[in-house]
Amino acid sequence: MSFFDPAPAAAGDKIDIADFARVELRVAQITAAEKVAGSKKLIKLLVDLGGETRQVVAGIAESYAAEALVGKKIALVANLKPAKLMGVESNGMVLAASVDGKAVLCTFDADVATGTKIK
């Protein structure tokens, strides 16, 4: 099997472009971060979305020290309904890959303005 001849995905695994278009991905910059009390995995983040500040909770504490996150630009799902994690409200979702059980944040290799839509 080569890159140009991938294994077909099951029909139930695919979404159409209209479903994907409903997800609002935006560039956010972390302005503050702290561990969530009583949790091994959660970090509370304040992120700048280009003139709008939001609080987001992410399960990345086993991979990142809170103080090392400040200043990073990340990819954020910006149009999720708020959720409470360990009693802390989260208003978005940080995108990350999982490599050997460790979170690896989706970041950018060039300077991108906060709030920029990701397509």
N, C-alpha and C. Protein backbone atom coordinates (compact mmCIF):
# COMPACT_ATOMS: atom_id res chain seq x y z
N MET A 1 0.85 -1.17 0.00
CA MET A 1 0.00 0.00 0.00
C MET A 1 0.90 1.24 0.00
N SER A 2 0.63 2.20 -0.85
CA SER A 2 1.42 3.42 -0.93
C SER A 2 0.58 4.62 -0.51
N PHE A 3 1.23 5.76 -0.44
CA PHE A 3 0.55 7.00 -0.13
C PHE A 3 -0.60 7.27 -1.10
N PHE A 4 -0.41 6.91 -2.35
CA PHE A 4 -1.41 7.19 -3.38
C PHE A 4 -2.50 6.12 -3.47
N ASP A 5 -2.34 5.05 -2.72
CA ASP A 5 -3.31 3.96 -2.74
C ASP A 5 -3.63 3.55 -1.30
N PRO A 6 -4.21 4.47 -0.52
CA PRO A 6 -4.47 4.14 0.89
C PRO A 6 -5.61 3.14 1.03
N ALA A 7 -5.64 2.49 2.20
CA ALA A 7 -6.74 1.57 2.47
C ALA A 7 -8.03 2.38 2.56
N PRO A 8 -9.11 1.89 2.01
CA PRO A 8 -10.37 2.64 2.06
C PRO A 8 -10.91 2.68 3.49
N ALA A 9 -11.44 3.82 3.86
CA ALA A 9 -12.06 3.98 5.17
C ALA A 9 -13.48 3.44 5.11
N ALA A 10 -13.96 2.96 6.22
CA ALA A 10 -15.35 2.49 6.28
C ALA A 10 -16.27 3.68 6.02
N ALA A 11 -17.36 3.46 5.34
CA ALA A 11 -18.29 4.54 4.97
C ALA A 11 -18.79 5.31 6.18
N GLY A 12 -18.99 4.64 7.30
CA GLY A 12 -19.49 5.30 8.50
C GLY A 12 -18.48 6.22 9.14
N ASP A 13 -17.20 6.15 8.76
CA ASP A 13 -16.15 6.98 9.35
C ASP A 13 -16.03 8.34 8.69
N LYS A 14 -16.70 8.54 7.57
CA LYS A 14 -16.51 9.77 6.80
C LYS A 14 -17.65 10.75 7.06
N ILE A 15 -17.29 12.03 7.04
CA ILE A 15 -18.29 13.10 7.13
C ILE A 15 -18.22 13.89 5.83
N ASP A 16 -19.27 14.63 5.53
CA ASP A 16 -19.19 15.44 4.33
C ASP A 16 -18.67 16.84 4.69
N ILE A 17 -18.36 17.60 3.68
CA ILE A 17 -17.76 18.92 3.86
C ILE A 17 -18.66 19.85 4.66
N ALA A 18 -19.96 19.70 4.55
CA ALA A 18 -20.89 20.55 5.30
C ALA A 18 -20.76 20.30 6.81
N ASP A 19 -20.57 19.04 7.20
CA ASP A 19 -20.35 18.74 8.62
C ASP A 19 -19.06 19.38 9.11
N PHE A 20 -17.99 19.22 8.33
CA PHE A 20 -16.70 19.80 8.72
C PHE A 20 -16.77 21.32 8.78
N ALA A 21 -17.50 21.93 7.88
CA ALA A 21 -17.59 23.39 7.83
C ALA A 21 -18.23 23.97 9.09
N ARG A 22 -18.98 23.17 9.82
CA ARG A 22 -19.62 23.63 11.06
C ARG A 22 -18.61 23.81 12.19
N VAL A 23 -17.43 23.16 12.09
CA VAL A 23 -16.41 23.26 13.12
C VAL A 23 -15.59 24.53 12.88
N GLU A 24 -15.57 25.41 13.88
CA GLU A 24 -14.82 26.66 13.77
C GLU A 24 -13.48 26.49 14.44
N LEU A 25 -12.43 26.36 13.62
CA LEU A 25 -11.06 26.25 14.12
C LEU A 25 -10.41 27.62 14.01
N ARG A 26 -9.77 28.05 15.12
CA ARG A 26 -9.13 29.37 15.12
C ARG A 26 -7.79 29.32 15.83
N VAL A 27 -6.93 30.27 15.50
CA VAL A 27 -5.63 30.42 16.15
C VAL A 27 -5.85 31.15 17.47
N ALA A 28 -5.30 30.59 18.54
CA ALA A 28 -5.39 31.22 19.86
C ALA A 28 -4.00 31.27 20.48
N GLN A 29 -3.75 32.30 21.28
CA GLN A 29 -2.48 32.40 21.99
C GLN A 29 -2.75 32.26 23.48
N ILE A 30 -1.98 31.39 24.12
CA ILE A 30 -2.14 31.16 25.55
C ILE A 30 -1.52 32.34 26.30
N THR A 31 -2.33 32.99 27.14
CA THR A 31 -1.85 34.15 27.89
C THR A 31 -1.62 33.83 29.37
N ALA A 32 -2.25 32.75 29.87
CA ALA A 32 -2.05 32.32 31.25
C ALA A 32 -2.41 30.84 31.32
N ALA A 33 -1.76 30.14 32.26
CA ALA A 33 -2.02 28.70 32.42
C ALA A 33 -1.74 28.29 33.86
N GLU A 34 -2.59 27.40 34.38
CA GLU A 34 -2.37 26.85 35.71
C GLU A 34 -3.03 25.47 35.80
N LYS A 35 -2.43 24.61 36.61
CA LYS A 35 -3.00 23.28 36.80
C LYS A 35 -4.34 23.40 37.51
N VAL A 36 -5.25 22.51 37.18
CA VAL A 36 -6.53 22.45 37.87
C VAL A 36 -6.33 21.67 39.16
N ALA A 37 -6.68 22.26 40.28
CA ALA A 37 -6.51 21.63 41.59
C ALA A 37 -7.21 20.28 41.64
N GLY A 38 -6.50 19.27 42.13
CA GLY A 38 -7.09 17.95 42.29
C GLY A 38 -7.04 17.08 41.05
N SER A 39 -6.43 17.57 39.96
CA SER A 39 -6.37 16.81 38.72
C SER A 39 -4.92 16.60 38.30
N LYS A 40 -4.62 15.41 37.81
CA LYS A 40 -3.28 15.12 37.27
C LYS A 40 -3.16 15.56 35.83
N LYS A 41 -4.29 15.61 35.11
CA LYS A 41 -4.26 15.83 33.66
C LYS A 41 -4.66 17.21 33.19
N LEU A 42 -5.44 17.94 33.98
CA LEU A 42 -6.05 19.16 33.46
C LEU A 42 -5.26 20.43 33.76
N ILE A 43 -5.22 21.29 32.76
CA ILE A 43 -4.65 22.64 32.88
C ILE A 43 -5.72 23.63 32.43
N LYS A 44 -5.90 24.69 33.21
CA LYS A 44 -6.81 25.78 32.85
C LYS A 44 -5.99 26.82 32.09
N LEU A 45 -6.47 27.18 30.91
CA LEU A 45 -5.79 28.14 30.05
C LEU A 45 -6.65 29.37 29.84
N LEU A 46 -6.04 30.52 29.79
CA LEU A 46 -6.68 31.72 29.26
C LEU A 46 -6.07 31.92 27.89
N VAL A 47 -6.93 32.05 26.87
CA VAL A 47 -6.43 32.20 25.52
C VAL A 47 -6.99 33.47 24.88
N ASP A 48 -6.16 34.08 24.05
CA ASP A 48 -6.55 35.26 23.28
C ASP A 48 -6.93 34.79 21.89
N LEU A 49 -8.16 35.10 21.50
CA LEU A 49 -8.66 34.75 20.16
C LEU A 49 -8.72 35.99 19.26
N GLY A 50 -7.85 36.93 19.49
CA GLY A 50 -7.86 38.14 18.67
C GLY A 50 -8.88 39.13 19.15
N GLY A 51 -8.75 39.58 20.36
CA GLY A 51 -9.68 40.55 20.93
C GLY A 51 -10.71 39.93 21.85
N GLU A 52 -10.78 38.62 21.89
CA GLU A 52 -11.68 37.91 22.80
C GLU A 52 -10.83 36.97 23.65
N THR A 53 -11.05 37.02 24.97
CA THR A 53 -10.34 36.12 25.88
C THR A 53 -11.29 35.04 26.35
N ARG A 54 -10.81 33.80 26.34
CA ARG A 54 -11.62 32.67 26.80
C ARG A 54 -10.84 31.81 27.77
N GLN A 55 -11.59 31.12 28.61
CA GLN A 55 -11.01 30.11 29.49
C GLN A 55 -11.28 28.74 28.87
N VAL A 56 -10.23 27.94 28.77
CA VAL A 56 -10.33 26.60 28.18
C VAL A 56 -9.60 25.64 29.11
N VAL A 57 -10.16 24.46 29.28
CA VAL A 57 -9.51 23.42 30.08
C VAL A 57 -9.02 22.34 29.12
N ALA A 58 -7.76 21.93 29.30
CA ALA A 58 -7.17 20.93 28.41
C ALA A 58 -6.49 19.83 29.23
N GLY A 59 -6.59 18.61 28.76
CA GLY A 59 -5.99 17.47 29.43
C GLY A 59 -4.56 17.25 28.99
N ILE A 60 -3.69 18.23 29.23
CA ILE A 60 -2.32 18.18 28.73
C ILE A 60 -1.27 18.31 29.84
N ALA A 61 -1.69 18.27 31.10
CA ALA A 61 -0.77 18.53 32.21
C ALA A 61 0.32 17.47 32.36
N GLU A 62 0.07 16.26 31.88
CA GLU A 62 1.10 15.22 31.97
C GLU A 62 2.19 15.41 30.91
N SER A 63 1.93 16.28 29.94
CA SER A 63 2.87 16.52 28.85
C SER A 63 3.52 17.90 28.89
N TYR A 64 2.85 18.86 29.52
CA TYR A 64 3.33 20.24 29.51
C TYR A 64 3.26 20.84 30.90
N ALA A 65 4.28 21.59 31.28
CA ALA A 65 4.23 22.39 32.50
C ALA A 65 3.43 23.64 32.17
N ALA A 66 2.55 24.04 33.07
CA ALA A 66 1.67 25.18 32.81
C ALA A 66 2.46 26.42 32.39
N GLU A 67 3.53 26.73 33.12
CA GLU A 67 4.28 27.96 32.83
C GLU A 67 4.96 27.92 31.45
N ALA A 68 5.22 26.74 30.91
CA ALA A 68 5.85 26.62 29.59
C ALA A 68 4.87 26.87 28.45
N LEU A 69 3.58 26.90 28.75
CA LEU A 69 2.56 27.08 27.72
C LEU A 69 2.30 28.54 27.36
N VAL A 70 2.58 29.43 28.28
CA VAL A 70 2.28 30.86 28.07
C VAL A 70 3.06 31.37 26.85
N GLY A 71 2.32 32.00 25.93
CA GLY A 71 2.91 32.54 24.72
C GLY A 71 2.75 31.66 23.51
N LYS A 72 2.45 30.38 23.69
CA LYS A 72 2.29 29.47 22.55
C LYS A 72 1.02 29.79 21.78
N LYS A 73 1.11 29.68 20.46
CA LYS A 73 -0.07 29.81 19.61
C LYS A 73 -0.51 28.40 19.26
N ILE A 74 -1.80 28.16 19.44
CA ILE A 74 -2.36 26.83 19.30
C ILE A 74 -3.58 26.85 18.40
N ALA A 75 -4.02 25.66 17.98
CA ALA A 75 -5.27 25.51 17.24
C ALA A 75 -6.37 25.20 18.25
N LEU A 76 -7.50 25.88 18.11
CA LEU A 76 -8.60 25.76 19.06
C LEU A 76 -9.92 25.56 18.32
N VAL A 77 -10.73 24.62 18.80
CA VAL A 77 -12.11 24.51 18.33
C VAL A 77 -12.88 25.57 19.11
N ALA A 78 -13.37 26.59 18.41
CA ALA A 78 -13.91 27.78 19.07
C ALA A 78 -15.43 27.77 19.24
N ASN A 79 -16.12 26.85 18.58
CA ASN A 79 -17.58 26.91 18.65
C ASN A 79 -18.22 25.72 19.36
N LEU A 80 -17.51 25.15 20.32
CA LEU A 80 -18.12 24.10 21.15
C LEU A 80 -18.97 24.73 22.24
N LYS A 81 -20.01 24.03 22.64
CA LYS A 81 -20.80 24.48 23.79
C LYS A 81 -19.91 24.39 25.03
N PRO A 82 -20.08 25.32 25.99
CA PRO A 82 -19.28 25.25 27.22
C PRO A 82 -19.50 23.92 27.94
N ALA A 83 -18.43 23.45 28.59
CA ALA A 83 -18.49 22.22 29.38
C ALA A 83 -17.75 22.46 30.69
N LYS A 84 -18.13 21.72 31.73
CA LYS A 84 -17.42 21.81 33.01
C LYS A 84 -16.59 20.56 33.20
N LEU A 85 -15.31 20.77 33.49
CA LEU A 85 -14.39 19.69 33.78
C LEU A 85 -13.84 19.92 35.18
N MET A 86 -14.11 18.99 36.08
CA MET A 86 -13.71 19.12 37.48
C MET A 86 -14.17 20.46 38.06
N GLY A 87 -15.37 20.88 37.66
CA GLY A 87 -15.95 22.11 38.18
C GLY A 87 -15.46 23.39 37.53
N VAL A 88 -14.59 23.28 36.52
CA VAL A 88 -14.04 24.46 35.84
C VAL A 88 -14.64 24.53 34.45
N GLU A 89 -15.21 25.69 34.09
CA GLU A 89 -15.84 25.84 32.78
C GLU A 89 -14.80 25.97 31.69
N SER A 90 -15.05 25.25 30.59
CA SER A 90 -14.19 25.30 29.41
C SER A 90 -15.02 25.79 28.23
N ASN A 91 -14.46 26.75 27.49
CA ASN A 91 -15.14 27.36 26.35
C ASN A 91 -14.36 27.16 25.07
N GLY A 92 -14.10 25.91 24.73
CA GLY A 92 -13.36 25.56 23.53
C GLY A 92 -12.58 24.29 23.76
N MET A 93 -11.90 23.82 22.72
CA MET A 93 -11.09 22.62 22.82
C MET A 93 -9.76 22.83 22.12
N VAL A 94 -8.69 22.56 22.83
CA VAL A 94 -7.34 22.64 22.29
C VAL A 94 -7.11 21.39 21.44
N LEU A 95 -6.52 21.57 20.25
CA LEU A 95 -6.21 20.42 19.41
C LEU A 95 -4.81 19.91 19.70
N ALA A 96 -4.70 18.60 19.87
CA ALA A 96 -3.41 17.97 20.13
C ALA A 96 -3.43 16.56 19.57
N ALA A 97 -2.26 16.08 19.22
CA ALA A 97 -2.10 14.68 18.83
C ALA A 97 -1.70 13.90 20.07
N SER A 98 -1.85 12.60 20.00
CA SER A 98 -1.40 11.73 21.09
C SER A 98 -0.28 10.86 20.55
N VAL A 99 0.92 11.01 21.11
CA VAL A 99 2.08 10.24 20.70
C VAL A 99 2.57 9.46 21.90
N ASP A 100 2.45 8.15 21.84
CA ASP A 100 2.84 7.28 22.96
C ASP A 100 2.20 7.73 24.26
N GLY A 101 0.92 8.13 24.19
CA GLY A 101 0.18 8.53 25.38
C GLY A 101 0.45 9.95 25.85
N LYS A 102 1.28 10.69 25.16
CA LYS A 102 1.60 12.08 25.53
C LYS A 102 0.95 13.04 24.53
N ALA A 103 0.43 14.14 25.05
CA ALA A 103 -0.17 15.16 24.18
C ALA A 103 0.90 15.96 23.48
N VAL A 104 0.68 16.24 22.21
CA VAL A 104 1.56 17.11 21.41
C VAL A 104 0.65 18.15 20.79
N LEU A 105 0.78 19.40 21.23
CA LEU A 105 -0.09 20.48 20.76
C LEU A 105 0.07 20.75 19.28
N CYS A 106 -1.04 21.09 18.63
CA CYS A 106 -1.02 21.57 17.26
C CYS A 106 -0.64 23.05 17.32
N THR A 107 0.52 23.38 16.79
CA THR A 107 1.02 24.75 16.80
C THR A 107 1.32 25.16 15.36
N PHE A 108 1.99 26.29 15.18
CA PHE A 108 2.23 26.84 13.86
C PHE A 108 3.72 27.06 13.63
N ASP A 109 4.16 26.89 12.38
CA ASP A 109 5.58 27.07 12.08
C ASP A 109 5.89 28.46 11.53
N ALA A 110 4.90 29.34 11.52
CA ALA A 110 5.08 30.74 11.14
C ALA A 110 4.17 31.56 12.04
N ASP A 111 4.43 32.86 12.09
CA ASP A 111 3.61 33.73 12.94
C ASP A 111 2.25 33.94 12.27
N VAL A 112 1.19 33.57 12.98
CA VAL A 112 -0.18 33.71 12.49
C VAL A 112 -0.94 34.54 13.51
N ALA A 113 -1.71 35.50 13.06
CA ALA A 113 -2.46 36.38 13.96
C ALA A 113 -3.49 35.60 14.78
N THR A 114 -3.62 35.95 16.05
CA THR A 114 -4.64 35.31 16.88
C THR A 114 -6.02 35.61 16.29
N GLY A 115 -6.89 34.63 16.39
CA GLY A 115 -8.24 34.77 15.87
C GLY A 115 -8.39 34.32 14.43
N THR A 116 -7.27 34.12 13.74
CA THR A 116 -7.33 33.69 12.34
C THR A 116 -8.07 32.37 12.23
N LYS A 117 -8.98 32.27 11.27
CA LYS A 117 -9.71 31.03 11.04
C LYS A 117 -8.77 30.02 10.38
N ILE A 118 -8.88 28.78 10.80
CA ILE A 118 -8.10 27.68 10.24
C ILE A 118 -9.01 26.93 9.29
N LYS A 119 -8.55 26.69 8.08
CA LYS A 119 -9.35 25.97 7.09
C LYS A 119 -8.66 24.68 6.73
